[in-house]
Amino acid sequence: MIVVGLFAFLGLDPILNLFAWISQIGTLGIIAMMAIASFAVVAFFNKDGRGENAFASKIAPIVAGLIMIALFIYIFANFGGLTGTSGALGVILPSLVIVAAIVGLLLASRLKSSDAKRFSNLGQNG
């Protein structure tokens, strides 16, 4: 209700504007995670090649990661034009993805130093 009220106060359409902004932020976050995953593939296969060829284990993931980084930068730089935001919102909204990443890294680092066992279990099923 607060967000919708704020939009009404500012004379913005909560459905049209909010949907475009949130979906674009989500897209930006997914692209960032895809880039990180691409480089994680390279790191994984550097530790354990599992018989994969260089193209599948290094070249393709690096190319994909670089393309994802380029897309991230393009979307970040043109966020205002893509979503119709203007001024500070065009920088603040996409910056939320970077802020979330930094907070996640800090929390993971804190968990790793305070409880290494729980940290090592991150991503495990069950």
Protein backbone atom coordinates (compact mmCIF):
# COMPACT_ATOMS: atom_id res chain seq x y z
CA MET A 1 0.00 0.00 0.00
CA ILE A 2 2.88 2.34 0.76
CA VAL A 3 4.46 1.81 -2.65
CA VAL A 4 1.15 2.22 -4.50
CA GLY A 5 0.41 5.31 -2.41
CA LEU A 6 3.81 6.75 -3.23
CA PHE A 7 3.21 6.16 -6.93
CA ALA A 8 -0.20 7.80 -6.71
CA PHE A 9 1.33 10.77 -4.89
CA LEU A 10 3.97 11.15 -7.61
CA GLY A 11 1.37 10.83 -10.37
CA LEU A 12 2.83 7.60 -11.72
CA ASP A 13 0.96 4.52 -12.89
CA PRO A 14 1.84 1.81 -10.36
CA ILE A 15 1.09 -1.02 -12.76
CA LEU A 16 2.81 0.35 -15.85
CA ASN A 17 5.84 1.97 -14.21
CA LEU A 18 6.42 -0.42 -11.33
CA PHE A 19 6.10 -3.50 -13.54
CA ALA A 20 8.60 -2.15 -16.07
CA TRP A 21 11.07 -1.14 -13.38
CA ILE A 22 10.90 -4.36 -11.37
CA SER A 23 11.03 -6.64 -14.41
CA GLN A 24 14.03 -4.75 -15.77
CA ILE A 25 15.82 -4.95 -12.40
CA GLY A 26 15.08 -8.68 -12.34
CA THR A 27 16.42 -9.06 -15.87
CA LEU A 28 19.58 -7.22 -14.90
CA GLY A 29 20.06 -9.49 -11.89
CA ILE A 30 19.55 -12.65 -13.95
CA ILE A 31 22.08 -11.48 -16.55
CA ALA A 32 24.60 -10.80 -13.78
CA MET A 33 24.04 -14.29 -12.33
CA MET A 34 24.41 -15.86 -15.79
CA ALA A 35 27.76 -14.09 -16.24
CA ILE A 36 28.95 -15.30 -12.84
CA ALA A 37 27.77 -18.84 -13.62
CA SER A 38 29.67 -18.79 -16.92
CA PHE A 39 32.92 -17.99 -15.14
CA ALA A 40 32.10 -20.53 -12.42
CA VAL A 41 31.98 -23.21 -15.15
CA VAL A 42 35.54 -22.32 -16.12
CA ALA A 43 36.67 -22.44 -12.48
CA PHE A 44 34.97 -25.80 -11.96
CA PHE A 45 36.58 -27.40 -15.01
CA ASN A 46 39.98 -25.99 -14.07
CA LYS A 47 39.75 -28.06 -10.89
CA ASP A 48 38.27 -31.18 -12.50
CA GLY A 49 38.40 -31.44 -16.30
CA ARG A 50 36.16 -34.53 -16.41
CA GLY A 51 37.40 -35.16 -19.93
CA GLU A 52 35.68 -32.12 -21.41
CA ASN A 53 37.31 -30.38 -24.35
CA ALA A 54 38.67 -26.85 -24.11
CA PHE A 55 35.80 -25.36 -26.11
CA ALA A 56 33.10 -26.68 -23.78
CA SER A 57 34.99 -26.09 -20.56
CA LYS A 58 36.76 -22.79 -21.22
CA ILE A 59 36.17 -20.99 -24.50
CA ALA A 60 32.35 -21.10 -24.72
CA PRO A 61 31.78 -20.18 -21.05
CA ILE A 62 34.26 -17.29 -21.23
CA VAL A 63 32.65 -15.93 -24.42
CA ALA A 64 29.19 -16.29 -22.88
CA GLY A 65 30.33 -14.58 -19.67
CA LEU A 66 31.85 -11.67 -21.58
CA ILE A 67 28.66 -11.26 -23.63
CA MET A 68 26.60 -11.26 -20.43
CA ILE A 69 28.88 -8.62 -18.89
CA ALA A 70 28.50 -6.46 -22.01
CA LEU A 71 24.70 -6.84 -21.82
CA PHE A 72 24.73 -5.97 -18.13
CA ILE A 73 26.73 -2.80 -18.78
CA TYR A 74 24.49 -1.82 -21.71
CA ILE A 75 21.27 -2.34 -19.75
CA PHE A 76 22.71 -0.58 -16.68
CA ALA A 77 23.86 2.41 -18.74
CA ASN A 78 20.56 2.68 -20.63
CA PHE A 79 18.18 1.73 -17.83
CA GLY A 80 16.38 5.06 -17.95
CA GLY A 81 15.69 4.83 -21.67
CA LEU A 82 14.61 1.20 -21.46
CA THR A 83 12.16 1.76 -18.62
CA GLY A 84 11.14 5.37 -19.08
CA THR A 85 12.67 6.48 -15.80
CA SER A 86 14.39 9.80 -15.64
CA GLY A 87 16.97 11.44 -13.44
CA ALA A 88 18.28 9.72 -10.36
CA LEU A 89 15.90 6.75 -10.65
CA GLY A 90 17.68 5.69 -13.83
CA VAL A 91 20.83 5.17 -11.76
CA ILE A 92 19.40 4.20 -8.36
CA LEU A 93 17.17 1.37 -9.57
CA PRO A 94 19.80 -0.63 -11.49
CA SER A 95 22.27 0.05 -8.69
CA LEU A 96 20.06 -2.06 -6.43
CA VAL A 97 21.41 -5.15 -8.22
CA ILE A 98 24.98 -4.18 -7.38
CA VAL A 99 24.04 -3.29 -3.79
CA ALA A 100 22.33 -6.68 -3.39
CA ALA A 101 25.44 -8.43 -4.73
CA ILE A 102 27.70 -6.57 -2.31
CA VAL A 103 25.41 -7.31 0.65
CA GLY A 104 25.32 -10.99 -0.37
CA LEU A 105 29.11 -11.16 -0.60
CA LEU A 106 29.50 -9.49 2.78
CA LEU A 107 27.00 -11.84 4.42
CA ALA A 108 28.67 -14.88 2.83
CA SER A 109 32.08 -13.68 4.00
CA ARG A 110 30.74 -13.18 7.50
CA LEU A 111 29.18 -16.65 7.51
CA LYS A 112 32.41 -18.19 6.22
CA SER A 113 34.43 -16.65 9.03
CA SER A 114 31.89 -17.28 11.79
CA ASP A 115 30.58 -20.73 10.81
CA ALA A 116 32.68 -22.44 8.15
CA LYS A 117 30.60 -25.65 8.34
CA ARG A 118 27.34 -23.87 7.52
CA PHE A 119 29.12 -21.93 4.77
CA SER A 120 30.43 -25.15 3.21
CA ASN A 121 26.87 -26.52 3.20
CA LEU A 122 25.51 -23.61 1.14
CA GLY A 123 23.89 -24.90 -2.02
CA GLN A 124 23.58 -28.45 -0.71
CA ASN A 125 20.23 -30.21 -0.94
CA GLY A 126 18.48 -30.98 2.32
